[in-house]
C-alpha atoms as a PDB file:
ATOM      1  CA  MET A   1       0.000   0.000   0.000  1.00  0.00           C
ATOM      2  CA  THR A   2       2.808   2.456   0.730  1.00  0.00           C
ATOM      3  CA  ARG A   3       4.323   2.047  -2.720  1.00  0.00           C
ATOM      4  CA  PRO A   4       1.420   3.679  -4.656  1.00  0.00           C
ATOM      5  CA  ALA A   5       1.341   6.542  -2.132  1.00  0.00           C
ATOM      6  CA  GLY A   6       5.061   7.040  -2.684  1.00  0.00           C
ATOM      7  CA  LEU A   7       4.554   7.059  -6.440  1.00  0.00           C
ATOM      8  CA  ARG A   8       1.668   9.496  -6.128  1.00  0.00           C
ATOM      9  CA  GLU A   9       3.737  11.849  -3.986  1.00  0.00           C
ATOM     10  CA  ARG A  10       6.606  11.674  -6.469  1.00  0.00           C
ATOM     11  CA  LYS A  11       4.231  12.528  -9.324  1.00  0.00           C
ATOM     12  CA  LYS A  12       2.809  15.459  -7.376  1.00  0.00           C
ATOM     13  CA  LEU A  13       6.305  16.722  -6.618  1.00  0.00           C
ATOM     14  CA  ALA A  14       7.282  16.346 -10.284  1.00  0.00           C
ATOM     15  CA  THR A  15       4.233  18.367 -11.366  1.00  0.00           C
ATOM     16  CA  ARG A  16       4.901  21.061  -8.779  1.00  0.00           C
ATOM     17  CA  THR A  17       8.550  21.260  -9.845  1.00  0.00           C
ATOM     18  CA  ALA A  18       7.616  21.424 -13.536  1.00  0.00           C
ATOM     19  CA  LEU A  19       5.220  24.302 -12.858  1.00  0.00           C
ATOM     20  CA  ALA A  20       7.750  26.180 -10.728  1.00  0.00           C
ATOM     21  CA  ASP A  21      10.474  25.684 -13.343  1.00  0.00           C
ATOM     22  CA  ALA A  22       8.156  26.837 -16.150  1.00  0.00           C
ATOM     23  CA  ALA A  23       7.112  29.933 -14.184  1.00  0.00           C
ATOM     24  CA  LEU A  24      10.703  30.833 -13.423  1.00  0.00           C
ATOM     25  CA  ARG A  25      11.920  30.198 -16.968  1.00  0.00           C
ATOM     26  CA  LEU A  26       9.129  32.249 -18.577  1.00  0.00           C
ATOM     27  CA  CYS A  27       9.445  35.099 -16.092  1.00  0.00           C
ATOM     28  CA  LEU A  28      13.187  35.267 -16.639  1.00  0.00           C
ATOM     29  CA  GLU A  29      12.605  35.471 -20.396  1.00  0.00           C
ATOM     30  CA  ARG A  30       9.642  37.873 -20.422  1.00  0.00           C
ATOM     31  CA  GLY A  31       9.502  39.504 -17.011  1.00  0.00           C
ATOM     32  CA  VAL A  32       6.920  38.674 -14.372  1.00  0.00           C
ATOM     33  CA  ASP A  33       4.353  41.078 -15.813  1.00  0.00           C
ATOM     34  CA  GLY A  34       4.767  39.565 -19.281  1.00  0.00           C
ATOM     35  CA  VAL A  35       3.690  36.064 -18.244  1.00  0.00           C
ATOM     36  CA  THR A  36       0.232  34.653 -17.555  1.00  0.00           C
ATOM     37  CA  VAL A  37      -0.776  31.671 -15.467  1.00  0.00           C
ATOM     38  CA  GLU A  38      -2.174  30.096 -18.634  1.00  0.00           C
ATOM     39  CA  GLN A  39       1.244  30.334 -20.294  1.00  0.00           C
ATOM     40  CA  VAL A  40       2.914  28.724 -17.273  1.00  0.00           C
ATOM     41  CA  ALA A  41       0.424  25.836 -17.286  1.00  0.00           C
ATOM     42  CA  HIS A  42       0.856  25.351 -21.048  1.00  0.00           C
ATOM     43  CA  GLU A  43       4.656  25.428 -20.752  1.00  0.00           C
ATOM     44  CA  ALA A  44       4.500  22.750 -18.033  1.00  0.00           C
ATOM     45  CA  GLY A  45       2.062  20.647 -20.064  1.00  0.00           C
ATOM     46  CA  VAL A  46      -0.793  20.755 -17.555  1.00  0.00           C
ATOM     47  CA  SER A  47      -4.247  22.291 -17.349  1.00  0.00           C
ATOM     48  CA  LEU A  48      -5.022  25.621 -15.734  1.00  0.00           C
ATOM     49  CA  ARG A  49      -6.973  23.751 -13.062  1.00  0.00           C
ATOM     50  CA  THR A  50      -3.893  21.651 -12.288  1.00  0.00           C
ATOM     51  CA  PHE A  51      -1.828  24.815 -11.930  1.00  0.00           C
ATOM     52  CA  PHE A  52      -4.246  26.105  -9.272  1.00  0.00           C
ATOM     53  CA  ASN A  53      -4.084  22.773  -7.438  1.00  0.00           C
ATOM     54  CA  TYR A  54      -0.443  23.638  -6.688  1.00  0.00           C
ATOM     55  CA  PHE A  55      -0.142  27.426  -6.664  1.00  0.00           C
ATOM     56  CA  SER A  56      -2.454  30.347  -6.101  1.00  0.00           C
ATOM     57  CA  SER A  57      -0.542  32.639  -8.483  1.00  0.00           C
ATOM     58  CA  LYS A  58       2.376  32.791 -10.898  1.00  0.00           C
ATOM     59  CA  GLU A  59       4.267  34.780  -8.235  1.00  0.00           C
ATOM     60  CA  GLU A  60       3.929  31.914  -5.770  1.00  0.00           C
ATOM     61  CA  ALA A  61       5.208  29.517  -8.450  1.00  0.00           C
ATOM     62  CA  VAL A  62       8.225  31.743  -9.168  1.00  0.00           C
ATOM     63  CA  VAL A  63       9.369  31.722  -5.514  1.00  0.00           C
ATOM     64  CA  ALA A  64       8.719  27.974  -5.138  1.00  0.00           C
ATOM     65  CA  GLY A  65      12.415  27.176  -5.625  1.00  0.00           C
ATOM     66  CA  ASP A  66      13.341  29.367  -2.659  1.00  0.00           C
ATOM     67  CA  VAL A  67      10.605  27.682  -0.652  1.00  0.00           C
ATOM     68  CA  ALA A  68      11.925  24.216  -1.555  1.00  0.00           C
ATOM     69  CA  THR A  69      15.434  25.176  -0.445  1.00  0.00           C
ATOM     70  CA  ALA A  70      14.142  26.560   2.853  1.00  0.00           C
ATOM     71  CA  GLU A  71      12.036  23.436   3.404  1.00  0.00           C
ATOM     72  CA  ALA A  72      15.076  21.229   2.774  1.00  0.00           C
ATOM     73  CA  PHE A  73      17.027  23.267   5.328  1.00  0.00           C
ATOM     74  CA  VAL A  74      14.273  22.971   7.967  1.00  0.00           C
ATOM     75  CA  ARG A  75      14.070  19.196   7.375  1.00  0.00           C
ATOM     76  CA  ALA A  76      17.865  18.862   7.615  1.00  0.00           C
ATOM     77  CA  PHE A  77      17.840  20.860  10.855  1.00  0.00           C
ATOM     78  CA  ALA A  78      15.012  18.731  12.286  1.00  0.00           C
ATOM     79  CA  ASP A  79      16.950  15.554  11.421  1.00  0.00           C
ATOM     80  CA  ARG A  80      20.074  16.584  13.350  1.00  0.00           C
ATOM     81  CA  PRO A  81      20.798  14.599  16.553  1.00  0.00           C
ATOM     82  CA  GLU A  82      18.846  15.899  19.559  1.00  0.00           C
ATOM     83  CA  GLU A  83      21.970  16.189  21.718  1.00  0.00           C
ATOM     84  CA  GLU A  84      23.627  18.562  19.233  1.00  0.00           C
ATOM     85  CA  PRO A  85      23.592  22.220  20.369  1.00  0.00           C
ATOM     86  CA  VAL A  86      21.172  24.384  18.374  1.00  0.00           C
ATOM     87  CA  LEU A  87      23.816  26.443  16.564  1.00  0.00           C
ATOM     88  CA  GLU A  88      25.860  23.361  15.674  1.00  0.00           C
ATOM     89  CA  ALA A  89      22.735  21.672  14.310  1.00  0.00           C
ATOM     90  CA  LEU A  90      22.078  24.835  12.322  1.00  0.00           C
ATOM     91  CA  ARG A  91      25.619  24.838  10.926  1.00  0.00           C
ATOM     92  CA  ARG A  92      25.481  21.168   9.939  1.00  0.00           C
ATOM     93  CA  ALA A  93      22.049  21.503   8.320  1.00  0.00           C
ATOM     94  CA  LEU A  94      23.120  24.484   6.209  1.00  0.00           C
ATOM     95  CA  VAL A  95      26.427  22.882   5.224  1.00  0.00           C
ATOM     96  CA  ASP A  96      24.538  19.756   4.169  1.00  0.00           C
ATOM     97  CA  ILE A  97      21.902  21.414   1.988  1.00  0.00           C
ATOM     98  CA  LEU A  98      23.641  24.462   0.480  1.00  0.00           C
ATOM     99  CA  PRO A  99      25.903  22.729  -2.066  1.00  0.00           C
ATOM    100  CA  GLU A 100      22.932  20.756  -3.404  1.00  0.00           C
ATOM    101  CA  HIS A 101      20.436  23.640  -3.530  1.00  0.00           C
ATOM    102  CA  VAL A 102      22.407  26.811  -4.258  1.00  0.00           C
ATOM    103  CA  ASP A 103      23.615  27.649  -7.746  1.00  0.00           C
ATOM    104  CA  ARG A 104      25.310  31.025  -8.251  1.00  0.00           C
ATOM    105  CA  ALA A 105      24.130  31.484 -11.859  1.00  0.00           C
ATOM    106  CA  LYS A 106      20.523  30.753 -10.948  1.00  0.00           C
ATOM    107  CA  LEU A 107      20.705  33.074  -7.937  1.00  0.00           C
ATOM    108  CA  GLU A 108      22.032  35.865 -10.158  1.00  0.00           C
ATOM    109  CA  GLN A 109      19.002  35.479 -12.412  1.00  0.00           C
ATOM    110  CA  LEU A 110      16.621  35.333  -9.469  1.00  0.00           C
ATOM    111  CA  ARG A 111      18.042  38.576  -8.108  1.00  0.00           C
ATOM    112  CA  LEU A 112      16.718  40.427 -11.139  1.00  0.00           C
ATOM    113  CA  LEU A 113      13.265  38.937 -10.683  1.00  0.00           C
ATOM    114  CA  ARG A 114      13.189  39.705  -6.959  1.00  0.00           C
ATOM    115  CA  ARG A 115      13.208  43.408  -7.788  1.00  0.00           C
ATOM    116  CA  THR A 116       9.737  43.003  -9.318  1.00  0.00           C
ATOM    117  CA  PRO A 117       7.265  44.585  -6.858  1.00  0.00           C
ATOM    118  CA  THR A 118       4.530  42.035  -7.618  1.00  0.00           C
ATOM    119  CA  LEU A 119       6.761  39.246  -6.258  1.00  0.00           C
ATOM    120  CA  LEU A 120       7.182  40.868  -2.845  1.00  0.00           C
ATOM    121  CA  PRO A 121       3.976  39.497  -1.239  1.00  0.00           C
ATOM    122  CA  ALA A 122       4.804  35.938  -2.362  1.00  0.00           C
ATOM    123  CA  GLN A 123       8.383  36.299  -1.101  1.00  0.00           C
ATOM    124  CA  LEU A 124       7.257  37.653   2.271  1.00  0.00           C
ATOM    125  CA  ALA A 125       4.654  34.911   2.657  1.00  0.00           C
ATOM    126  CA  ALA A 126       7.289  32.268   1.844  1.00  0.00           C
ATOM    127  CA  PHE A 127       9.818  33.771   4.292  1.00  0.00           C
ATOM    128  CA  HIS A 128       7.214  33.963   7.060  1.00  0.00           C
ATOM    129  CA  ALA A 129       6.060  30.368   6.519  1.00  0.00           C
ATOM    130  CA  GLN A 130       9.626  29.079   6.668  1.00  0.00           C
ATOM    131  CA  GLU A 131      10.440  31.117   9.769  1.00  0.00           C
ATOM    132  CA  ARG A 132       7.385  29.602  11.479  1.00  0.00           C
ATOM    133  CA  ALA A 133       8.386  26.084  10.396  1.00  0.00           C
ATOM    134  CA  LEU A 134      11.939  26.586  11.689  1.00  0.00           C
ATOM    135  CA  ALA A 135      10.621  28.085  14.930  1.00  0.00           C
ATOM    136  CA  GLY A 136       8.473  24.989  15.448  1.00  0.00           C
ATOM    137  CA  VAL A 137      11.482  22.692  15.050  1.00  0.00           C
ATOM    138  CA  VAL A 138      13.623  24.903  17.315  1.00  0.00           C
ATOM    139  CA  GLY A 139      10.870  24.883  19.933  1.00  0.00           C
ATOM    140  CA  GLU A 140      10.768  21.077  19.879  1.00  0.00           C
ATOM    141  CA  ARG A 141      14.560  20.891  20.104  1.00  0.00           C
ATOM    142  CA  VAL A 142      14.838  23.175  23.145  1.00  0.00           C
ATOM    143  CA  GLY A 143      11.556  22.098  24.742  1.00  0.00           C
ATOM    144  CA  VAL A 144       9.582  25.350  24.605  1.00  0.00           C
ATOM    145  CA  ASP A 145       6.335  26.415  22.959  1.00  0.00           C
ATOM    146  CA  PRO A 146       6.904  29.065  20.246  1.00  0.00           C
ATOM    147  CA  ALA A 147       3.456  30.481  21.019  1.00  0.00           C
ATOM    148  CA  VAL A 148       4.593  31.299  24.572  1.00  0.00           C
ATOM    149  CA  ASP A 149       8.387  31.659  24.452  1.00  0.00           C
ATOM    150  CA  LEU A 150      10.028  34.222  22.130  1.00  0.00           C
ATOM    151  CA  TYR A 151      13.264  32.258  21.670  1.00  0.00           C
ATOM    152  CA  PRO A 152      12.222  29.939  18.801  1.00  0.00           C
ATOM    153  CA  MET A 153      10.687  32.676  16.649  1.00  0.00           C
ATOM    154  CA  MET A 154      13.509  35.143  17.332  1.00  0.00           C
ATOM    155  CA  PHE A 155      16.074  32.453  16.539  1.00  0.00           C
ATOM    156  CA  ALA A 156      14.283  31.471  13.318  1.00  0.00           C
ATOM    157  CA  ALA A 157      13.848  35.059  12.137  1.00  0.00           C
ATOM    158  CA  THR A 158      17.487  35.874  12.879  1.00  0.00           C
ATOM    159  CA  VAL A 159      18.743  32.782  11.077  1.00  0.00           C
ATOM    160  CA  MET A 160      16.589  33.235   7.971  1.00  0.00           C
ATOM    161  CA  ALA A 161      17.490  36.930   7.723  1.00  0.00           C
ATOM    162  CA  SER A 162      21.183  36.136   8.263  1.00  0.00           C
ATOM    163  CA  VAL A 163      21.168  33.519   5.516  1.00  0.00           C
ATOM    164  CA  ARG A 164      19.564  36.014   3.114  1.00  0.00           C
ATOM    165  CA  VAL A 165      22.227  38.606   4.024  1.00  0.00           C
ATOM    166  CA  VAL A 166      25.064  36.114   3.514  1.00  0.00           C
ATOM    167  CA  VAL A 167      23.750  34.972   0.120  1.00  0.00           C
ATOM    168  CA  THR A 168      23.172  38.563  -1.023  1.00  0.00           C
ATOM    169  CA  GLN A 169      26.676  39.594   0.069  1.00  0.00           C
ATOM    170  CA  TRP A 170      28.142  36.567  -1.685  1.00  0.00           C
ATOM    171  CA  LEU A 171      26.413  37.541  -4.923  1.00  0.00           C
ATOM    172  CA  ASP A 172      26.935  41.318  -4.690  1.00  0.00           C
ATOM    173  CA  THR A 173      30.661  41.136  -4.026  1.00  0.00           C
ATOM    174  CA  GLY A 174      31.372  38.290  -6.441  1.00  0.00           C
ATOM    175  CA  ASP A 175      33.098  36.496  -3.562  1.00  0.00           C
ATOM    176  CA  GLN A 176      34.653  33.324  -4.974  1.00  0.00           C
ATOM    177  CA  ARG A 177      34.842  31.483  -1.665  1.00  0.00           C
ATOM    178  CA  PRO A 178      32.408  28.618  -1.270  1.00  0.00           C
ATOM    179  CA  LEU A 179      29.134  29.848   0.229  1.00  0.00           C
ATOM    180  CA  VAL A 180      29.618  27.296   3.016  1.00  0.00           C
ATOM    181  CA  ASP A 181      32.647  29.303   4.250  1.00  0.00           C
ATOM    182  CA  LEU A 182      30.488  32.415   4.644  1.00  0.00           C
ATOM    183  CA  VAL A 183      27.796  30.378   6.390  1.00  0.00           C
ATOM    184  CA  ASN A 184      30.398  29.159   8.891  1.00  0.00           C
ATOM    185  CA  THR A 185      31.404  32.780   9.516  1.00  0.00           C
ATOM    186  CA  MET A 186      27.729  33.661   9.999  1.00  0.00           C
ATOM    187  CA  ILE A 187      27.251  30.870  12.578  1.00  0.00           C
ATOM    188  CA  ASP A 188      30.408  31.938  14.423  1.00  0.00           C
ATOM    189  CA  GLN A 189      29.101  35.507  14.545  1.00  0.00           C
ATOM    190  CA  LEU A 190      25.715  34.359  15.839  1.00  0.00           C
ATOM    191  CA  ALA A 191      27.449  32.232  18.480  1.00  0.00           C
ATOM    192  CA  ALA A 192      29.490  35.256  19.566  1.00  0.00           C
ATOM    193  CA  GLY A 193      26.305  37.251  20.025  1.00  0.00           C
ATOM    194  CA  PHE A 194      27.497  39.847  17.488  1.00  0.00           C
ATOM    195  CA  ARG A 195      30.464  40.739  19.688  1.00  0.00           C
ATOM    196  CA  ARG A 196      33.470  41.782  17.623  1.00  0.00           C
END
């Protein structure tokens, strides 16, 4: 019984990925405002109804790659050994997922799209959802309720913002070091409490 469910989930993931890739590809070619949901569905080879089974808008589809990377990071963090300190688990999770999910050329292209004002709500919604997911995992790890204790949400917001800053700096400066090196510097700085 589990095999068909696994196949079904793989098919759903493949459809979602195809739609996200089509949205990103078309928007990179034509600009976000020059692309319709119908064109994205056609490019992915699915119906308009199928598109709306996965995404509420083309903007949501465009940021889906960022969402997938953040989800992979949260899963990697959740899978770290319970006895590992929070910042070490964070370091290991980021080091594990970044090489697989971060491509400099693709990020350069995405930077241009991110300047499109119509993408901002989808980006903010994605960031907020991932911060909440990370806060939930942090809360479980340290044994506190994120609805009552500020630590998990503050930690998650700080981490997600720090990662965005590190990636932006890496792209803006053309730094040739591996992104993992900058992530290690970021974790060290967080561990030092921003003391210089």
